[in-house]
Amino acid sequence: MSDDNQLASHLRHMLAVLDAERQALAGLDLDALLAATLAKQEICASLEVMVESAASGECRTMLEAAKRQNEVNRRVRNLLSANLAARLDNLRHRPGLYHLR
């Protein structure tokens, strides 16, 4: 398999993992979220070696798509975290740590 084909294959796998992560976030599935995180780390380690040779437009497009999807997933994680923090504060009948008094 050529370097470009191998890179494209890894990028397709990363996009699939990012989609699985999004679904895990939507379903609040901690096991699937942890599995996606481990898979992303493994793929990133492989990509770091290959990305130097990313010459094709297809690979650059997939890299940008992966970057955008990861950013969307990061924002969803932050929203879920903020929502959980607010709900826990409500249960304790106390304002959050960062609220003005």
N, C-alpha and C. Protein backbone atom coordinates (compact mmCIF):
# COMPACT_ATOMS: atom_id res chain seq x y z
N MET A 1 0.85 -1.18 0.00
CA MET A 1 0.00 0.00 0.00
C MET A 1 0.90 1.24 0.00
N SER A 2 0.60 2.22 -0.87
CA SER A 2 1.42 3.43 -0.92
C SER A 2 1.20 4.28 0.32
N ASP A 3 2.14 5.21 0.56
CA ASP A 3 2.03 6.08 1.73
C ASP A 3 0.73 6.86 1.73
N ASP A 4 0.34 7.36 0.55
CA ASP A 4 -0.88 8.15 0.45
C ASP A 4 -2.11 7.29 0.74
N ASN A 5 -2.13 6.07 0.24
CA ASN A 5 -3.26 5.17 0.50
C ASN A 5 -3.33 4.79 1.97
N GLN A 6 -2.17 4.55 2.57
CA GLN A 6 -2.13 4.19 3.99
C GLN A 6 -2.59 5.37 4.85
N LEU A 7 -2.14 6.57 4.50
CA LEU A 7 -2.56 7.77 5.22
C LEU A 7 -4.07 7.95 5.08
N ALA A 8 -4.59 7.80 3.87
CA ALA A 8 -6.02 7.95 3.65
C ALA A 8 -6.80 6.91 4.46
N SER A 9 -6.30 5.70 4.54
CA SER A 9 -6.95 4.65 5.32
C SER A 9 -7.00 5.02 6.80
N HIS A 10 -5.88 5.52 7.33
CA HIS A 10 -5.84 5.93 8.74
C HIS A 10 -6.79 7.11 8.98
N LEU A 11 -6.86 8.03 8.05
CA LEU A 11 -7.74 9.19 8.21
C LEU A 11 -9.21 8.77 8.16
N ARG A 12 -9.54 7.82 7.29
CA ARG A 12 -10.92 7.29 7.27
C ARG A 12 -11.26 6.64 8.61
N HIS A 13 -10.30 5.90 9.14
CA HIS A 13 -10.50 5.26 10.45
C HIS A 13 -10.70 6.32 11.53
N MET A 14 -9.91 7.40 11.49
CA MET A 14 -10.05 8.48 12.47
C MET A 14 -11.43 9.10 12.37
N LEU A 15 -11.90 9.36 11.15
CA LEU A 15 -13.24 9.93 10.99
C LEU A 15 -14.31 9.00 11.55
N ALA A 16 -14.15 7.70 11.35
CA ALA A 16 -15.10 6.73 11.90
C ALA A 16 -15.06 6.74 13.43
N VAL A 17 -13.87 6.84 14.00
CA VAL A 17 -13.72 6.88 15.46
C VAL A 17 -14.34 8.17 16.01
N LEU A 18 -14.13 9.29 15.32
CA LEU A 18 -14.74 10.55 15.76
C LEU A 18 -16.26 10.48 15.70
N ASP A 19 -16.80 9.80 14.71
CA ASP A 19 -18.25 9.61 14.63
C ASP A 19 -18.73 8.72 15.78
N ALA A 20 -17.97 7.68 16.09
CA ALA A 20 -18.33 6.82 17.22
C ALA A 20 -18.26 7.60 18.53
N GLU A 21 -17.28 8.49 18.64
CA GLU A 21 -17.17 9.33 19.85
C GLU A 21 -18.40 10.23 19.97
N ARG A 22 -18.83 10.81 18.85
CA ARG A 22 -20.02 11.67 18.86
C ARG A 22 -21.24 10.89 19.31
N GLN A 23 -21.38 9.66 18.82
CA GLN A 23 -22.50 8.83 19.22
C GLN A 23 -22.41 8.45 20.70
N ALA A 24 -21.20 8.20 21.18
CA ALA A 24 -21.01 7.89 22.59
C ALA A 24 -21.38 9.08 23.47
N LEU A 25 -21.02 10.28 23.01
CA LEU A 25 -21.39 11.48 23.75
C LEU A 25 -22.91 11.66 23.77
N ALA A 26 -23.54 11.43 22.63
CA ALA A 26 -24.99 11.58 22.55
C ALA A 26 -25.70 10.58 23.45
N GLY A 27 -25.16 9.38 23.55
CA GLY A 27 -25.77 8.34 24.38
C GLY A 27 -25.22 8.29 25.79
N LEU A 28 -24.30 9.20 26.11
CA LEU A 28 -23.64 9.23 27.42
C LEU A 28 -23.07 7.85 27.77
N ASP A 29 -22.45 7.21 26.78
CA ASP A 29 -21.89 5.87 26.93
C ASP A 29 -20.40 5.98 27.28
N LEU A 30 -20.10 5.87 28.56
CA LEU A 30 -18.73 6.08 29.04
C LEU A 30 -17.76 5.06 28.47
N ASP A 31 -18.16 3.80 28.39
CA ASP A 31 -17.26 2.77 27.85
C ASP A 31 -16.91 3.05 26.39
N ALA A 32 -17.90 3.41 25.60
CA ALA A 32 -17.64 3.73 24.19
C ALA A 32 -16.81 4.99 24.06
N LEU A 33 -17.02 5.95 24.95
CA LEU A 33 -16.23 7.18 24.93
C LEU A 33 -14.77 6.91 25.25
N LEU A 34 -14.52 6.06 26.23
CA LEU A 34 -13.15 5.69 26.57
C LEU A 34 -12.49 4.91 25.43
N ALA A 35 -13.24 4.02 24.81
CA ALA A 35 -12.71 3.26 23.68
C ALA A 35 -12.35 4.19 22.52
N ALA A 36 -13.20 5.17 22.27
CA ALA A 36 -12.92 6.14 21.20
C ALA A 36 -11.69 6.96 21.52
N THR A 37 -11.53 7.34 22.76
CA THR A 37 -10.35 8.12 23.16
C THR A 37 -9.07 7.33 22.95
N LEU A 38 -9.08 6.07 23.35
CA LEU A 38 -7.90 5.23 23.15
C LEU A 38 -7.60 5.04 21.66
N ALA A 39 -8.65 4.82 20.87
CA ALA A 39 -8.46 4.64 19.43
C ALA A 39 -7.90 5.91 18.79
N LYS A 40 -8.40 7.08 19.22
CA LYS A 40 -7.89 8.34 18.68
C LYS A 40 -6.41 8.51 18.99
N GLN A 41 -6.00 8.16 20.20
CA GLN A 41 -4.59 8.26 20.57
C GLN A 41 -3.72 7.35 19.73
N GLU A 42 -4.18 6.13 19.50
CA GLU A 42 -3.41 5.18 18.68
C GLU A 42 -3.29 5.67 17.24
N ILE A 43 -4.40 6.16 16.69
CA ILE A 43 -4.38 6.63 15.31
C ILE A 43 -3.49 7.87 15.19
N CYS A 44 -3.56 8.75 16.16
CA CYS A 44 -2.71 9.96 16.13
C CYS A 44 -1.23 9.58 16.14
N ALA A 45 -0.88 8.59 16.92
CA ALA A 45 0.52 8.15 16.96
C ALA A 45 0.96 7.66 15.58
N SER A 46 0.09 6.93 14.90
CA SER A 46 0.41 6.46 13.55
C SER A 46 0.45 7.61 12.55
N LEU A 47 -0.48 8.54 12.68
CA LEU A 47 -0.56 9.65 11.75
C LEU A 47 0.63 10.60 11.85
N GLU A 48 1.15 10.77 13.06
CA GLU A 48 2.27 11.69 13.25
C GLU A 48 3.46 11.29 12.38
N VAL A 49 3.64 10.01 12.19
CA VAL A 49 4.73 9.52 11.35
C VAL A 49 4.42 9.75 9.88
N MET A 50 3.17 9.61 9.48
CA MET A 50 2.80 9.66 8.07
C MET A 50 2.44 11.03 7.54
N VAL A 51 1.97 11.91 8.38
CA VAL A 51 1.37 13.16 7.92
C VAL A 51 2.35 14.04 7.14
N GLU A 52 3.62 13.85 7.34
CA GLU A 52 4.62 14.60 6.58
C GLU A 52 4.42 14.41 5.08
N SER A 53 3.96 13.24 4.68
CA SER A 53 3.84 12.93 3.26
C SER A 53 2.43 13.17 2.72
N ALA A 54 1.60 13.87 3.47
CA ALA A 54 0.22 14.12 3.04
C ALA A 54 0.20 15.08 1.86
N ALA A 55 0.24 14.53 0.67
CA ALA A 55 0.31 15.36 -0.53
C ALA A 55 -1.02 15.46 -1.25
N SER A 56 -1.82 14.43 -1.17
CA SER A 56 -3.05 14.42 -1.97
C SER A 56 -4.11 15.35 -1.36
N GLY A 57 -4.94 15.86 -2.25
CA GLY A 57 -6.04 16.71 -1.81
C GLY A 57 -7.03 15.96 -0.95
N GLU A 58 -7.23 14.67 -1.26
CA GLU A 58 -8.15 13.85 -0.47
C GLU A 58 -7.68 13.76 0.98
N CYS A 59 -6.39 13.56 1.19
CA CYS A 59 -5.85 13.45 2.55
C CYS A 59 -5.97 14.78 3.29
N ARG A 60 -5.67 15.87 2.61
CA ARG A 60 -5.80 17.18 3.26
C ARG A 60 -7.26 17.46 3.62
N THR A 61 -8.18 17.06 2.77
CA THR A 61 -9.60 17.25 3.04
C THR A 61 -10.03 16.42 4.25
N MET A 62 -9.56 15.17 4.32
CA MET A 62 -9.90 14.33 5.47
C MET A 62 -9.27 14.85 6.75
N LEU A 63 -8.06 15.39 6.68
CA LEU A 63 -7.44 15.99 7.86
C LEU A 63 -8.28 17.15 8.38
N GLU A 64 -8.74 18.00 7.48
CA GLU A 64 -9.59 19.14 7.87
C GLU A 64 -10.92 18.65 8.44
N ALA A 65 -11.50 17.63 7.83
CA ALA A 65 -12.77 17.08 8.34
C ALA A 65 -12.58 16.50 9.74
N ALA A 66 -11.48 15.80 9.97
CA ALA A 66 -11.19 15.25 11.29
C ALA A 66 -11.01 16.37 12.31
N LYS A 67 -10.33 17.42 11.91
CA LYS A 67 -10.12 18.56 12.81
C LYS A 67 -11.46 19.19 13.19
N ARG A 68 -12.33 19.40 12.19
CA ARG A 68 -13.64 19.99 12.46
C ARG A 68 -14.48 19.08 13.36
N GLN A 69 -14.50 17.78 13.07
CA GLN A 69 -15.30 16.85 13.87
C GLN A 69 -14.79 16.78 15.30
N ASN A 70 -13.48 16.80 15.48
CA ASN A 70 -12.91 16.78 16.83
C ASN A 70 -13.31 18.05 17.59
N GLU A 71 -13.34 19.18 16.90
CA GLU A 71 -13.75 20.44 17.54
C GLU A 71 -15.22 20.39 17.95
N VAL A 72 -16.07 19.84 17.10
CA VAL A 72 -17.48 19.69 17.44
C VAL A 72 -17.63 18.80 18.67
N ASN A 73 -16.91 17.67 18.67
CA ASN A 73 -16.98 16.75 19.82
C ASN A 73 -16.47 17.42 21.09
N ARG A 74 -15.42 18.24 20.97
CA ARG A 74 -14.89 18.95 22.14
C ARG A 74 -15.95 19.90 22.70
N ARG A 75 -16.64 20.60 21.83
CA ARG A 75 -17.68 21.53 22.29
C ARG A 75 -18.83 20.78 22.96
N VAL A 76 -19.21 19.64 22.40
CA VAL A 76 -20.28 18.84 23.01
C VAL A 76 -19.85 18.38 24.40
N ARG A 77 -18.60 17.90 24.52
CA ARG A 77 -18.10 17.48 25.84
C ARG A 77 -18.17 18.63 26.84
N ASN A 78 -17.77 19.83 26.41
CA ASN A 78 -17.80 20.99 27.30
C ASN A 78 -19.22 21.34 27.72
N LEU A 79 -20.16 21.27 26.77
CA LEU A 79 -21.57 21.54 27.11
C LEU A 79 -22.11 20.52 28.09
N LEU A 80 -21.79 19.25 27.85
CA LEU A 80 -22.25 18.20 28.77
C LEU A 80 -21.67 18.41 30.16
N SER A 81 -20.40 18.78 30.22
CA SER A 81 -19.74 19.00 31.50
C SER A 81 -20.37 20.19 32.24
N ALA A 82 -20.63 21.27 31.52
CA ALA A 82 -21.25 22.44 32.15
C ALA A 82 -22.66 22.11 32.62
N ASN A 83 -23.40 21.35 31.83
CA ASN A 83 -24.76 20.96 32.20
C ASN A 83 -24.73 20.09 33.46
N LEU A 84 -23.82 19.14 33.50
CA LEU A 84 -23.71 18.28 34.67
C LEU A 84 -23.34 19.08 35.91
N ALA A 85 -22.39 20.00 35.77
CA ALA A 85 -21.98 20.83 36.91
C ALA A 85 -23.17 21.64 37.45
N ALA A 86 -23.96 22.21 36.54
CA ALA A 86 -25.13 22.99 36.97
C ALA A 86 -26.15 22.11 37.68
N ARG A 87 -26.37 20.91 37.16
CA ARG A 87 -27.33 20.00 37.79
C ARG A 87 -26.86 19.56 39.17
N LEU A 88 -25.56 19.30 39.30
CA LEU A 88 -25.02 18.91 40.61
C LEU A 88 -25.12 20.06 41.60
N ASP A 89 -24.87 21.28 41.14
CA ASP A 89 -25.03 22.45 42.01
C ASP A 89 -26.47 22.59 42.47
N ASN A 90 -27.41 22.35 41.56
CA ASN A 90 -28.83 22.41 41.94
C ASN A 90 -29.17 21.36 42.99
N LEU A 91 -28.63 20.17 42.84
CA LEU A 91 -28.90 19.12 43.82
C LEU A 91 -28.36 19.47 45.19
N ARG A 92 -27.24 20.17 45.21
CA ARG A 92 -26.63 20.54 46.50
C ARG A 92 -27.19 21.86 47.01
N HIS A 93 -28.03 22.53 46.21
CA HIS A 93 -28.59 23.84 46.55
C HIS A 93 -27.50 24.85 46.82
N ARG A 94 -26.43 24.76 46.02
CA ARG A 94 -25.32 25.70 46.15
C ARG A 94 -24.95 26.20 44.75
N PRO A 95 -24.53 27.45 44.68
CA PRO A 95 -24.07 27.95 43.39
C PRO A 95 -22.73 27.33 43.03
N GLY A 96 -22.40 27.38 41.77
CA GLY A 96 -21.13 26.84 41.31
C GLY A 96 -19.95 27.62 41.86
N LEU A 97 -18.77 27.04 41.74
CA LEU A 97 -17.57 27.67 42.25
C LEU A 97 -17.27 29.01 41.58
N TYR A 98 -17.66 29.16 40.34
CA TYR A 98 -17.29 30.34 39.58
C TYR A 98 -18.41 31.37 39.47
N HIS A 99 -19.44 31.21 40.24
CA HIS A 99 -20.55 32.17 40.21
C HIS A 99 -20.23 33.34 41.11
N LEU A 100 -20.64 34.54 40.67
CA LEU A 100 -20.49 35.73 41.51
C LEU A 100 -21.52 35.67 42.62
N ARG A 101 -21.14 36.17 43.75
CA ARG A 101 -22.06 36.16 44.89
C ARG A 101 -22.80 37.48 44.97
